Amino acid sequence: MGRKEKEEAAREEQIQEEIRRVKLPRGKQTIGLLEMRLGGSRCKVRCLDGNTRNCRIPGRLKRRLWVRENDIVLVEPWEFGGDDRGDIIFKYKPIQAQWLKRKGYLDKLQDTDEF
């Protein structure tokens, strides 16, 4: 087996690993589409439950979680003011977003054609 074949096999295995471990919402968590960055680790996110929330990236994830517009994210609403605010706790990679779309988790979002 040549070097290119090994690299291709490793890349295919990594893709399968990403698809196998897609993080799904638990409890009050919901999936959302990041509409706009507002600055200061705050973002406007349109969630599957019909609410548009002003979400923030918590301090423990601030340096590790880099988001852009039209990213699919996992949002945890706040206990108080949960319809208006929440925390972004996870960002889905494009291959994971495709898997979510295929499985029907993103049916309520209309603008997910970028993936």
PDB file of N, CA and C in Angstrom:
ATOM      1  N   MET A   1       0.855  -1.178   0.000  1.00  0.00           N
ATOM      2  CA  MET A   1       0.000   0.000   0.000  1.00  0.00           C
ATOM      3  C   MET A   1       0.897   1.236   0.000  1.00  0.00           C
ATOM      4  N   GLY A   2       0.669   2.119  -0.976  1.00  0.00           N
ATOM      5  CA  GLY A   2       1.477   3.318  -1.114  1.00  0.00           C
ATOM      6  C   GLY A   2       1.084   4.410  -0.131  1.00  0.00           C
ATOM      7  N   ARG A   3       1.873   5.465  -0.139  1.00  0.00           N
ATOM      8  CA  ARG A   3       1.650   6.566   0.789  1.00  0.00           C
ATOM      9  C   ARG A   3       0.319   7.271   0.523  1.00  0.00           C
ATOM     10  N   LYS A   4       0.001   7.494  -0.746  1.00  0.00           N
ATOM     11  CA  LYS A   4      -1.251   8.172  -1.086  1.00  0.00           C
ATOM     12  C   LYS A   4      -2.458   7.332  -0.675  1.00  0.00           C
ATOM     13  N   GLU A   5      -2.361   6.032  -0.868  1.00  0.00           N
ATOM     14  CA  GLU A   5      -3.468   5.148  -0.485  1.00  0.00           C
ATOM     15  C   GLU A   5      -3.679   5.164   1.028  1.00  0.00           C
ATOM     16  N   LYS A   6      -2.582   5.185   1.788  1.00  0.00           N
ATOM     17  CA  LYS A   6      -2.689   5.255   3.246  1.00  0.00           C
ATOM     18  C   LYS A   6      -3.328   6.562   3.694  1.00  0.00           C
ATOM     19  N   GLU A   7      -2.901   7.672   3.063  1.00  0.00           N
ATOM     20  CA  GLU A   7      -3.472   8.977   3.416  1.00  0.00           C
ATOM     21  C   GLU A   7      -4.966   9.022   3.092  1.00  0.00           C
ATOM     22  N   GLU A   8      -5.347   8.471   1.949  1.00  0.00           N
ATOM     23  CA  GLU A   8      -6.764   8.449   1.560  1.00  0.00           C
ATOM     24  C   GLU A   8      -7.579   7.595   2.527  1.00  0.00           C
ATOM     25  N   ALA A   9      -7.035   6.446   2.927  1.00  0.00           N
ATOM     26  CA  ALA A   9      -7.732   5.581   3.881  1.00  0.00           C
ATOM     27  C   ALA A   9      -7.872   6.272   5.237  1.00  0.00           C
ATOM     28  N   ALA A  10      -6.845   6.981   5.676  1.00  0.00           N
ATOM     29  CA  ALA A  10      -6.906   7.697   6.950  1.00  0.00           C
ATOM     30  C   ALA A  10      -7.930   8.828   6.889  1.00  0.00           C
ATOM     31  N   ARG A  11      -7.995   9.537   5.759  1.00  0.00           N
ATOM     32  CA  ARG A  11      -8.963  10.616   5.598  1.00  0.00           C
ATOM     33  C   ARG A  11     -10.400  10.067   5.604  1.00  0.00           C
ATOM     34  N   GLU A  12     -10.621   8.956   4.926  1.00  0.00           N
ATOM     35  CA  GLU A  12     -11.954   8.337   4.907  1.00  0.00           C
ATOM     36  C   GLU A  12     -12.351   7.858   6.305  1.00  0.00           C
ATOM     37  N   GLU A  13     -11.399   7.309   7.044  1.00  0.00           N
ATOM     38  CA  GLU A  13     -11.678   6.862   8.406  1.00  0.00           C
ATOM     39  C   GLU A  13     -12.025   8.042   9.316  1.00  0.00           C
ATOM     40  N   GLN A  14     -11.338   9.174   9.127  1.00  0.00           N
ATOM     41  CA  GLN A  14     -11.618  10.360   9.926  1.00  0.00           C
ATOM     42  C   GLN A  14     -13.019  10.888   9.630  1.00  0.00           C
ATOM     43  N   ILE A  15     -13.433  10.884   8.367  1.00  0.00           N
ATOM     44  CA  ILE A  15     -14.777  11.334   8.001  1.00  0.00           C
ATOM     45  C   ILE A  15     -15.819  10.430   8.644  1.00  0.00           C
ATOM     46  N   GLN A  16     -15.614   9.134   8.606  1.00  0.00           N
ATOM     47  CA  GLN A  16     -16.560   8.204   9.224  1.00  0.00           C
ATOM     48  C   GLN A  16     -16.618   8.415  10.733  1.00  0.00           C
ATOM     49  N   GLU A  17     -15.485   8.728  11.353  1.00  0.00           N
ATOM     50  CA  GLU A  17     -15.445   8.976  12.791  1.00  0.00           C
ATOM     51  C   GLU A  17     -16.245  10.230  13.137  1.00  0.00           C
ATOM     52  N   GLU A  18     -16.126  11.283  12.312  1.00  0.00           N
ATOM     53  CA  GLU A  18     -16.874  12.512  12.563  1.00  0.00           C
ATOM     54  C   GLU A  18     -18.374  12.272  12.460  1.00  0.00           C
ATOM     55  N   ILE A  19     -18.782  11.490  11.471  1.00  0.00           N
ATOM     56  CA  ILE A  19     -20.206  11.227  11.282  1.00  0.00           C
ATOM     57  C   ILE A  19     -20.739  10.366  12.421  1.00  0.00           C
ATOM     58  N   ARG A  20     -19.954   9.443  12.896  1.00  0.00           N
ATOM     59  CA  ARG A  20     -20.402   8.522  13.929  1.00  0.00           C
ATOM     60  C   ARG A  20     -20.636   9.226  15.263  1.00  0.00           C
ATOM     61  N   ARG A  21     -19.967  10.303  15.518  1.00  0.00           N
ATOM     62  CA  ARG A  21     -20.026  10.959  16.823  1.00  0.00           C
ATOM     63  C   ARG A  21     -20.678  12.335  16.759  1.00  0.00           C
ATOM     64  N   VAL A  22     -21.817  12.430  16.131  1.00  0.00           N
ATOM     65  CA  VAL A  22     -22.524  13.704  16.052  1.00  0.00           C
ATOM     66  C   VAL A  22     -23.250  13.937  17.365  1.00  0.00           C
ATOM     67  N   LYS A  23     -23.027  15.109  17.948  1.00  0.00           N
ATOM     68  CA  LYS A  23     -23.632  15.460  19.231  1.00  0.00           C
ATOM     69  C   LYS A  23     -25.063  15.943  18.982  1.00  0.00           C
ATOM     70  N   LEU A  24     -26.036  15.284  19.596  1.00  0.00           N
ATOM     71  CA  LEU A  24     -27.446  15.627  19.428  1.00  0.00           C
ATOM     72  C   LEU A  24     -27.941  16.398  20.645  1.00  0.00           C
ATOM     73  N   PRO A  25     -28.997  17.215  20.470  1.00  0.00           N
ATOM     74  CA  PRO A  25     -29.520  17.999  21.599  1.00  0.00           C
ATOM     75  C   PRO A  25     -30.111  17.114  22.689  1.00  0.00           C
ATOM     76  N   ARG A  26     -29.861  17.493  23.943  1.00  0.00           N
ATOM     77  CA  ARG A  26     -30.413  16.788  25.105  1.00  0.00           C
ATOM     78  C   ARG A  26     -31.171  17.775  25.964  1.00  0.00           C
ATOM     79  N   GLY A  27     -32.263  17.345  26.521  1.00  0.00           N
ATOM     80  CA  GLY A  27     -33.021  18.193  27.439  1.00  0.00           C
ATOM     81  C   GLY A  27     -33.548  19.436  26.758  1.00  0.00           C
ATOM     82  N   LYS A  28     -33.163  20.598  27.250  1.00  0.00           N
ATOM     83  CA  LYS A  28     -33.648  21.869  26.713  1.00  0.00           C
ATOM     84  C   LYS A  28     -32.809  22.389  25.550  1.00  0.00           C
ATOM     85  N   GLN A  29     -31.731  21.712  25.208  1.00  0.00           N
ATOM     86  CA  GLN A  29     -30.855  22.167  24.140  1.00  0.00           C
ATOM     87  C   GLN A  29     -31.576  22.112  22.798  1.00  0.00           C
ATOM     88  N   THR A  30     -31.161  22.975  21.876  1.00  0.00           N
ATOM     89  CA  THR A  30     -31.746  23.013  20.541  1.00  0.00           C
ATOM     90  C   THR A  30     -30.672  23.343  19.515  1.00  0.00           C
ATOM     91  N   ILE A  31     -30.929  22.992  18.275  1.00  0.00           N
ATOM     92  CA  ILE A  31     -30.013  23.285  17.178  1.00  0.00           C
ATOM     93  C   ILE A  31     -30.422  24.621  16.568  1.00  0.00           C
ATOM     94  N   GLY A  32     -29.442  25.402  16.134  1.00  0.00           N
ATOM     95  CA  GLY A  32     -29.745  26.697  15.552  1.00  0.00           C
ATOM     96  C   GLY A  32     -28.787  27.066  14.437  1.00  0.00           C
ATOM     97  N   LEU A  33     -29.183  28.075  13.669  1.00  0.00           N
ATOM     98  CA  LEU A  33     -28.388  28.614  12.578  1.00  0.00           C
ATOM     99  C   LEU A  33     -27.901  29.998  12.985  1.00  0.00           C
ATOM    100  N   LEU A  34     -26.595  30.205  12.979  1.00  0.00           N
ATOM    101  CA  LEU A  34     -26.030  31.481  13.377  1.00  0.00           C
ATOM    102  C   LEU A  34     -26.287  32.498  12.272  1.00  0.00           C
ATOM    103  N   GLU A  35     -27.084  33.516  12.568  1.00  0.00           N
ATOM    104  CA  GLU A  35     -27.455  34.512  11.569  1.00  0.00           C
ATOM    105  C   GLU A  35     -26.479  35.674  11.497  1.00  0.00           C
ATOM    106  N   MET A  36     -26.033  36.159  12.685  1.00  0.00           N
ATOM    107  CA  MET A  36     -25.219  37.373  12.687  1.00  0.00           C
ATOM    108  C   MET A  36     -24.310  37.388  13.912  1.00  0.00           C
ATOM    109  N   ARG A  37     -23.063  37.823  13.715  1.00  0.00           N
ATOM    110  CA  ARG A  37     -22.160  38.037  14.837  1.00  0.00           C
ATOM    111  C   ARG A  37     -22.367  39.457  15.323  1.00  0.00           C
ATOM    112  N   LEU A  38     -22.498  39.624  16.625  1.00  0.00           N
ATOM    113  CA  LEU A  38     -22.777  40.935  17.195  1.00  0.00           C
ATOM    114  C   LEU A  38     -21.573  41.557  17.879  1.00  0.00           C
ATOM    115  N   GLY A  39     -20.517  40.808  18.055  1.00  0.00           N
ATOM    116  CA  GLY A  39     -19.317  41.318  18.707  1.00  0.00           C
ATOM    117  C   GLY A  39     -19.294  40.965  20.183  1.00  0.00           C
ATOM    118  N   GLY A  40     -18.112  40.886  20.742  1.00  0.00           N
ATOM    119  CA  GLY A  40     -17.984  40.580  22.162  1.00  0.00           C
ATOM    120  C   GLY A  40     -18.470  39.183  22.509  1.00  0.00           C
ATOM    121  N   SER A  41     -18.213  38.200  21.653  1.00  0.00           N
ATOM    122  CA  SER A  41     -18.611  36.801  21.809  1.00  0.00           C
ATOM    123  C   SER A  41     -20.128  36.616  21.852  1.00  0.00           C
ATOM    124  N   ARG A  42     -20.864  37.535  21.261  1.00  0.00           N
ATOM    125  CA  ARG A  42     -22.323  37.421  21.181  1.00  0.00           C
ATOM    126  C   ARG A  42     -22.742  37.239  19.730  1.00  0.00           C
ATOM    127  N   CYS A  43     -23.819  36.471  19.543  1.00  0.00           N
ATOM    128  CA  CYS A  43     -24.304  36.158  18.207  1.00  0.00           C
ATOM    129  C   CYS A  43     -25.827  36.094  18.216  1.00  0.00           C
ATOM    130  N   LYS A  44     -26.403  36.308  17.056  1.00  0.00           N
ATOM    131  CA  LYS A  44     -27.844  36.150  16.878  1.00  0.00           C
ATOM    132  C   LYS A  44     -28.062  34.798  16.208  1.00  0.00           C
ATOM    133  N   VAL A  45     -28.844  33.915  16.862  1.00  0.00           N
ATOM    134  CA  VAL A  45     -29.033  32.550  16.391  1.00  0.00           C
ATOM    135  C   VAL A  45     -30.521  32.277  16.217  1.00  0.00           C
ATOM    136  N   ARG A  46     -30.897  31.751  15.033  1.00  0.00           N
ATOM    137  CA  ARG A  46     -32.277  31.316  14.795  1.00  0.00           C
ATOM    138  C   ARG A  46     -32.360  29.833  15.118  1.00  0.00           C
ATOM    139  N   CYS A  47     -33.151  29.490  16.132  1.00  0.00           N
ATOM    140  CA  CYS A  47     -33.214  28.125  16.645  1.00  0.00           C
ATOM    141  C   CYS A  47     -34.371  27.349  16.023  1.00  0.00           C
ATOM    142  N   LEU A  48     -34.295  26.015  16.121  1.00  0.00           N
ATOM    143  CA  LEU A  48     -35.328  25.142  15.570  1.00  0.00           C
ATOM    144  C   LEU A  48     -36.663  25.274  16.293  1.00  0.00           C
ATOM    145  N   ASP A  49     -36.653  25.728  17.534  1.00  0.00           N
ATOM    146  CA  ASP A  49     -37.908  25.841  18.273  1.00  0.00           C
ATOM    147  C   ASP A  49     -38.671  27.119  17.923  1.00  0.00           C
ATOM    148  N   GLY A  50     -38.198  27.885  16.922  1.00  0.00           N
ATOM    149  CA  GLY A  50     -38.914  29.059  16.451  1.00  0.00           C
ATOM    150  C   GLY A  50     -38.460  30.378  17.050  1.00  0.00           C
ATOM    151  N   ASN A  51     -37.585  30.348  18.019  1.00  0.00           N
ATOM    152  CA  ASN A  51     -37.102  31.574  18.659  1.00  0.00           C
ATOM    153  C   ASN A  51     -35.802  32.045  18.012  1.00  0.00           C
ATOM    154  N   THR A  52     -35.612  33.359  18.000  1.00  0.00           N
ATOM    155  CA  THR A  52     -34.332  33.938  17.624  1.00  0.00           C
ATOM    156  C   THR A  52     -33.699  34.444  18.904  1.00  0.00           C
ATOM    157  N   ARG A  53     -32.556  33.879  19.249  1.00  0.00           N
ATOM    158  CA  ARG A  53     -31.923  34.172  20.531  1.00  0.00           C
ATOM    159  C   ARG A  53     -30.645  34.973  20.350  1.00  0.00           C
ATOM    160  N   ASN A  54     -30.369  35.825  21.343  1.00  0.00           N
ATOM    161  CA  ASN A  54     -29.101  36.515  21.465  1.00  0.00           C
ATOM    162  C   ASN A  54     -28.213  35.595  22.293  1.00  0.00           C
ATOM    163  N   CYS A  55     -27.306  34.878  21.638  1.00  0.00           N
ATOM    164  CA  CYS A  55     -26.500  33.864  22.324  1.00  0.00           C
ATOM    165  C   CYS A  55     -25.079  34.357  22.519  1.00  0.00           C
ATOM    166  N   ARG A  56     -24.447  33.820  23.524  1.00  0.00           N
ATOM    167  CA  ARG A  56     -23.048  34.146  23.787  1.00  0.00           C
ATOM    168  C   ARG A  56     -22.239  32.864  23.802  1.00  0.00           C
ATOM    169  N   ILE A  57     -20.947  33.017  23.596  1.00  0.00           N
ATOM    170  CA  ILE A  57     -20.021  31.896  23.722  1.00  0.00           C
ATOM    171  C   ILE A  57     -19.448  31.977  25.125  1.00  0.00           C
ATOM    172  N   PRO A  58     -19.657  30.961  25.964  1.00  0.00           N
ATOM    173  CA  PRO A  58     -19.167  31.016  27.348  1.00  0.00           C
ATOM    174  C   PRO A  58     -17.651  31.161  27.414  1.00  0.00           C
ATOM    175  N   GLY A  59     -17.165  31.686  28.522  1.00  0.00           N
ATOM    176  CA  GLY A  59     -15.742  31.947  28.695  1.00  0.00           C
ATOM    177  C   GLY A  59     -14.865  30.722  28.527  1.00  0.00           C
ATOM    178  N   ARG A  60     -15.347  29.558  28.946  1.00  0.00           N
ATOM    179  CA  ARG A  60     -14.520  28.354  28.851  1.00  0.00           C
ATOM    180  C   ARG A  60     -14.318  27.906  27.399  1.00  0.00           C
ATOM    181  N   LEU A  61     -15.192  28.371  26.481  1.00  0.00           N
ATOM    182  CA  LEU A  61     -15.096  27.999  25.066  1.00  0.00           C
ATOM    183  C   LEU A  61     -14.643  29.146  24.175  1.00  0.00           C
ATOM    184  N   LYS A  62     -14.433  30.310  24.741  1.00  0.00           N
ATOM    185  CA  LYS A  62     -14.196  31.523  23.951  1.00  0.00           C
ATOM    186  C   LYS A  62     -13.011  31.392  23.008  1.00  0.00           C
ATOM    187  N   ARG A  63     -11.924  30.792  23.438  1.00  0.00           N
ATOM    188  CA  ARG A  63     -10.732  30.663  22.603  1.00  0.00           C
ATOM    189  C   ARG A  63     -10.791  29.440  21.690  1.00  0.00           C
ATOM    190  N   ARG A  64     -11.601  28.453  22.036  1.00  0.00           N
ATOM    191  CA  ARG A  64     -11.648  27.206  21.277  1.00  0.00           C
ATOM    192  C   ARG A  64     -12.742  27.165  20.220  1.00  0.00           C
ATOM    193  N   LEU A  65     -13.806  27.932  20.390  1.00  0.00           N
ATOM    194  CA  LEU A  65     -14.965  27.847  19.511  1.00  0.00           C
ATOM    195  C   LEU A  65     -15.020  29.084  18.615  1.00  0.00           C
ATOM    196  N   TRP A  66     -14.664  28.904  17.355  1.00  0.00           N
ATOM    197  CA  TRP A  66     -14.685  29.991  16.389  1.00  0.00           C
ATOM    198  C   TRP A  66     -15.874  29.764  15.469  1.00  0.00           C
ATOM    199  N   VAL A  67     -16.768  30.746  15.419  1.00  0.00           N
ATOM    200  CA  VAL A  67     -17.980  30.594  14.629  1.00  0.00           C
ATOM    201  C   VAL A  67     -18.081  31.690  13.571  1.00  0.00           C
ATOM    202  N   ARG A  68     -18.819  31.389  12.511  1.00  0.00           N
ATOM    203  CA  ARG A  68     -19.096  32.344  11.442  1.00  0.00           C
ATOM    204  C   ARG A  68     -20.583  32.320  11.145  1.00  0.00           C
ATOM    205  N   GLU A  69     -21.017  33.258  10.317  1.00  0.00           N
ATOM    206  CA  GLU A  69     -22.412  33.270   9.916  1.00  0.00           C
ATOM    207  C   GLU A  69     -22.724  32.000   9.123  1.00  0.00           C
ATOM    208  N   ASN A  70     -23.952  31.516   9.262  1.00  0.00           N
ATOM    209  CA  ASN A  70     -24.473  30.309   8.613  1.00  0.00           C
ATOM    210  C   ASN A  70     -23.880  29.016   9.155  1.00  0.00           C
ATOM    211  N   ASP A  71     -23.239  29.048  10.316  1.00  0.00           N
ATOM    212  CA  ASP A  71     -22.799  27.824  10.980  1.00  0.00           C
ATOM    213  C   ASP A  71     -23.981  27.205  11.725  1.00  0.00           C
ATOM    214  N   ILE A  72     -24.003  25.888  11.786  1.00  0.00           N
ATOM    215  CA  ILE A  72     -25.003  25.175  12.570  1.00  0.00           C
ATOM    216  C   ILE A  72     -24.402  24.952  13.955  1.00  0.00           C
ATOM    217  N   VAL A  73     -25.121  25.393  15.000  1.00  0.00           N
ATOM    218  CA  VAL A  73     -24.603  25.328  16.362  1.00  0.00           C
ATOM    219  C   VAL A  73     -25.634  24.684  17.285  1.00  0.00           C
ATOM    220  N   LEU A  74     -25.154  24.228  18.425  1.00  0.00           N
ATOM    221  CA  LEU A  74     -26.005  23.680  19.470  1.00  0.00           C
ATOM    222  C   LEU A  74     -26.142  24.739  20.558  1.00  0.00           C
ATOM    223  N   VAL A  75     -27.393  25.098  20.884  1.00  0.00           N
ATOM    224  CA  VAL A  75     -27.679  26.192  21.802  1.00  0.00           C
ATOM    225  C   VAL A  75     -28.356  25.646  23.046  1.00  0.00           C
ATOM    226  N   GLU A  76     -27.916  26.137  24.200  1.00  0.00           N
ATOM    227  CA  GLU A  76     -28.581  25.821  25.459  1.00  0.00           C
ATOM    228  C   GLU A  76     -29.232  27.096  25.991  1.00  0.00           C
ATOM    229  N   PRO A  77     -30.580  27.161  25.988  1.00  0.00           N
ATOM    230  CA  PRO A  77     -31.257  28.370  26.483  1.00  0.00           C
ATOM    231  C   PRO A  77     -30.990  28.593  27.960  1.00  0.00           C
ATOM    232  N   TRP A  78     -31.001  29.859  28.366  1.00  0.00           N
ATOM    233  CA  TRP A  78     -30.822  30.193  29.770  1.00  0.00           C
ATOM    234  C   TRP A  78     -32.063  29.799  30.554  1.00  0.00           C
ATOM    235  N   GLU A  79     -31.881  29.570  31.862  1.00  0.00           N
ATOM    236  CA  GLU A  79     -33.026  29.253  32.720  1.00  0.00           C
ATOM    237  C   GLU A  79     -33.971  30.437  32.822  1.00  0.00           C
ATOM    238  N   PHE A  80     -33.421  31.640  32.970  1.00  0.00           N
ATOM    239  CA  PHE A  80     -34.224  32.861  33.038  1.00  0.00           C
ATOM    240  C   PHE A  80     -34.051  33.614  31.734  1.00  0.00           C
ATOM    241  N   GLY A  81     -35.138  33.921  31.067  1.00  0.00           N
ATOM    242  CA  GLY A  81     -35.046  34.587  29.770  1.00  0.00           C
ATOM    243  C   GLY A  81     -34.626  33.641  28.672  1.00  0.00           C
ATOM    244  N   GLY A  82     -35.008  32.381  28.780  1.00  0.00           N
ATOM    245  CA  GLY A  82     -34.583  31.354  27.837  1.00  0.00           C
ATOM    246  C   GLY A  82     -35.119  31.529  26.432  1.00  0.00           C
ATOM    247  N   ASP A  83     -36.223  32.280  26.269  1.00  0.00           N
ATOM    248  CA  ASP A  83     -36.750  32.503  24.927  1.00  0.00           C
ATOM    249  C   ASP A  83     -35.970  33.569  24.180  1.00  0.00           C
ATOM    250  N   ASP A  84     -35.218  34.391  24.906  1.00  0.00           N
ATOM    251  CA  ASP A  84     -34.481  35.488  24.292  1.00  0.00           C
ATOM    252  C   ASP A  84     -32.970  35.267  24.281  1.00  0.00           C
ATOM    253  N   ARG A  85     -32.451  34.466  25.198  1.00  0.00           N
ATOM    254  CA  ARG A  85     -30.999  34.335  25.356  1.00  0.00           C
ATOM    255  C   ARG A  85     -30.593  32.878  25.524  1.00  0.00           C
ATOM    256  N   GLY A  86     -29.310  32.622  25.236  1.00  0.00           N
ATOM    257  CA  GLY A  86     -28.786  31.275  25.402  1.00  0.00           C
ATOM    258  C   GLY A  86     -27.275  31.260  25.249  1.00  0.00           C
ATOM    259  N   ASP A  87     -26.709  30.072  25.400  1.00  0.00           N
ATOM    260  CA  ASP A  87     -25.272  29.854  25.251  1.00  0.00           C
ATOM    261  C   ASP A  87     -25.024  28.926  24.070  1.00  0.00           C
ATOM    262  N   ILE A  88     -24.016  29.241  23.274  1.00  0.00           N
ATOM    263  CA  ILE A  88     -23.579  28.348  22.202  1.00  0.00           C
ATOM    264  C   ILE A  88     -22.591  27.378  22.827  1.00  0.00           C
ATOM    265  N   ILE A  89     -22.905  26.090  22.788  1.00  0.00           N
ATOM    266  CA  ILE A  89     -22.047  25.122  23.461  1.00  0.00           C
ATOM    267  C   ILE A  89     -21.306  24.189  22.502  1.00  0.00           C
ATOM    268  N   PHE A  90     -21.692  24.200  21.202  1.00  0.00           N
ATOM    269  CA  PHE A  90     -21.032  23.304  20.258  1.00  0.00           C
ATOM    270  C   PHE A  90     -21.266  23.811  18.842  1.00  0.00           C
ATOM    271  N   LYS A  91     -20.254  23.672  17.981  1.00  0.00           N
ATOM    272  CA  LYS A  91     -20.393  24.020  16.566  1.00  0.00           C
ATOM    273  C   LYS A  91     -20.225  22.747  15.747  1.00  0.00           C
ATOM    274  N   TYR A  92     -21.185  22.503  14.848  1.00  0.00           N
ATOM    275  CA  TYR A  92     -21.121  21.324  13.993  1.00  0.00           C
ATOM    276  C   TYR A  92     -20.213  21.584  12.805  1.00  0.00           C
ATOM    277  N   LYS A  93     -19.403  20.591  12.451  1.00  0.00           N
ATOM    278  CA  LYS A  93     -18.576  20.667  11.254  1.00  0.00           C
ATOM    279  C   LYS A  93     -19.471  20.445  10.039  1.00  0.00           C
ATOM    280  N   PRO A  94     -19.030  20.868   8.842  1.00  0.00           N
ATOM    281  CA  PRO A  94     -19.892  20.729   7.656  1.00  0.00           C
ATOM    282  C   PRO A  94     -20.356  19.295   7.395  1.00  0.00           C
ATOM    283  N   ILE A  95     -19.504  18.309   7.589  1.00  0.00           N
ATOM    284  CA  ILE A  95     -19.901  16.917   7.348  1.00  0.00           C
ATOM    285  C   ILE A  95     -20.964  16.488   8.365  1.00  0.00           C
ATOM    286  N   GLN A  96     -20.848  16.987   9.605  1.00  0.00           N
ATOM    287  CA  GLN A  96     -21.850  16.677  10.625  1.00  0.00           C
ATOM    288  C   GLN A  96     -23.177  17.364  10.311  1.00  0.00           C
ATOM    289  N   ALA A  97     -23.114  18.592   9.776  1.00  0.00           N
ATOM    290  CA  ALA A  97     -24.330  19.303   9.397  1.00  0.00           C
ATOM    291  C   ALA A  97     -25.039  18.582   8.254  1.00  0.00           C
ATOM    292  N   GLN A  98     -24.272  18.039   7.312  1.00  0.00           N
ATOM    293  CA  GLN A  98     -24.882  17.260   6.230  1.00  0.00           C
ATOM    294  C   GLN A  98     -25.587  16.030   6.788  1.00  0.00           C
ATOM    295  N   TRP A  99     -24.966  15.366   7.753  1.00  0.00           N
ATOM    296  CA  TRP A  99     -25.572  14.187   8.372  1.00  0.00           C
ATOM    297  C   TRP A  99     -26.874  14.560   9.077  1.00  0.00           C
ATOM    298  N   LEU A 100     -26.863  15.672   9.815  1.00  0.00           N
ATOM    299  CA  LEU A 100     -28.080  16.138  10.493  1.00  0.00           C
ATOM    300  C   LEU A 100     -29.191  16.444   9.493  1.00  0.00           C
ATOM    301  N   LYS A 101     -28.823  17.038   8.369  1.00  0.00           N
ATOM    302  CA  LYS A 101     -29.818  17.362   7.339  1.00  0.00           C
ATOM    303  C   LYS A 101     -30.394  16.082   6.728  1.00  0.00           C
ATOM    304  N   ARG A 102     -29.517  15.103   6.447  1.00  0.00           N
ATOM    305  CA  ARG A 102     -29.982  13.834   5.877  1.00  0.00           C
ATOM    306  C   ARG A 102     -30.914  13.090   6.817  1.00  0.00           C
ATOM    307  N   LYS A 103     -30.625  13.154   8.110  1.00  0.00           N
ATOM    308  CA  LYS A 103     -31.430  12.435   9.097  1.00  0.00           C
ATOM    309  C   LYS A 103     -32.698  13.180   9.494  1.00  0.00           C
ATOM    310  N   GLY A 104     -32.869  14.423   9.017  1.00  0.00           N
ATOM    311  CA  GLY A 104     -34.108  15.153   9.259  1.00  0.00           C
ATOM    312  C   GLY A 104     -34.114  16.052  10.481  1.00  0.00           C
ATOM    313  N   TYR A 105     -32.973  16.267  11.098  1.00  0.00           N
ATOM    314  CA  TYR A 105     -32.917  17.137  12.273  1.00  0.00           C
ATOM    315  C   TYR A 105     -33.018  18.617  11.900  1.00  0.00           C
ATOM    316  N   LEU A 106     -32.697  18.960  10.657  1.00  0.00           N
ATOM    317  CA  LEU A 106     -32.688  20.362  10.236  1.00  0.00           C
ATOM    318  C   LEU A 106     -33.853  20.696   9.309  1.00  0.00           C
ATOM    319  N   ASP A 107     -34.929  19.943   9.371  1.00  0.00           N
ATOM    320  CA  ASP A 107     -36.059  20.169   8.466  1.00  0.00           C
ATOM    321  C   ASP A 107     -36.706  21.529   8.672  1.00  0.00           C
ATOM    322  N   LYS A 108     -36.705  22.043   9.891  1.00  0.00           N
ATOM    323  CA  LYS A 108     -37.382  23.310  10.176  1.00  0.00           C
ATOM    324  C   LYS A 108     -36.579  24.525   9.735  1.00  0.00           C
ATOM    325  N   LEU A 109     -35.286  24.355   9.492  1.00  0.00           N
ATOM    326  CA  LEU A 109     -34.466  25.471   9.013  1.00  0.00           C
ATOM    327  C   LEU A 109     -34.522  25.506   7.490  1.00  0.00           C
ATOM    328  N   GLN A 110     -34.812  26.661   6.924  1.00  0.00           N
ATOM    329  CA  GLN A 110     -34.930  26.759   5.469  1.00  0.00           C
ATOM    330  C   GLN A 110     -33.600  27.082   4.785  1.00  0.00           C
ATOM    331  N   ASP A 111     -32.749  27.862   5.417  1.00  0.00           N
ATOM    332  CA  ASP A 111     -31.538  28.346   4.757  1.00  0.00           C
ATOM    333  C   ASP A 111     -30.323  27.492   5.047  1.00  0.00           C
ATOM    334  N   THR A 112     -30.455  26.181   4.976  1.00  0.00           N
ATOM    335  CA  THR A 112     -29.310  25.312   5.220  1.00  0.00           C
ATOM    336  C   THR A 112     -28.799  24.711   3.921  1.00  0.00           C
ATOM    337  N   ASP A 113     -29.010  25.373   2.786  1.00  0.00           N
ATOM    338  CA  ASP A 113     -28.590  24.838   1.505  1.00  0.00           C
ATOM    339  C   ASP A 113     -27.085  24.987   1.280  1.00  0.00           C
ATOM    340  N   GLU A 114     -26.392  25.731   2.147  1.00  0.00           N
ATOM    341  CA  GLU A 114     -24.961  25.933   1.966  1.00  0.00           C
ATOM    342  C   GLU A 114     -24.177  24.662   2.211  1.00  0.00           C
ATOM    343  N   PHE A 115     -24.766  23.695   2.900  1.00  0.00           N
ATOM    344  CA  PHE A 115     -24.006  22.504   3.277  1.00  0.00           C
ATOM    345  C   PHE A 115     -24.153  21.441   2.235  1.00  0.00           C
TER     346      PHE A 115
END
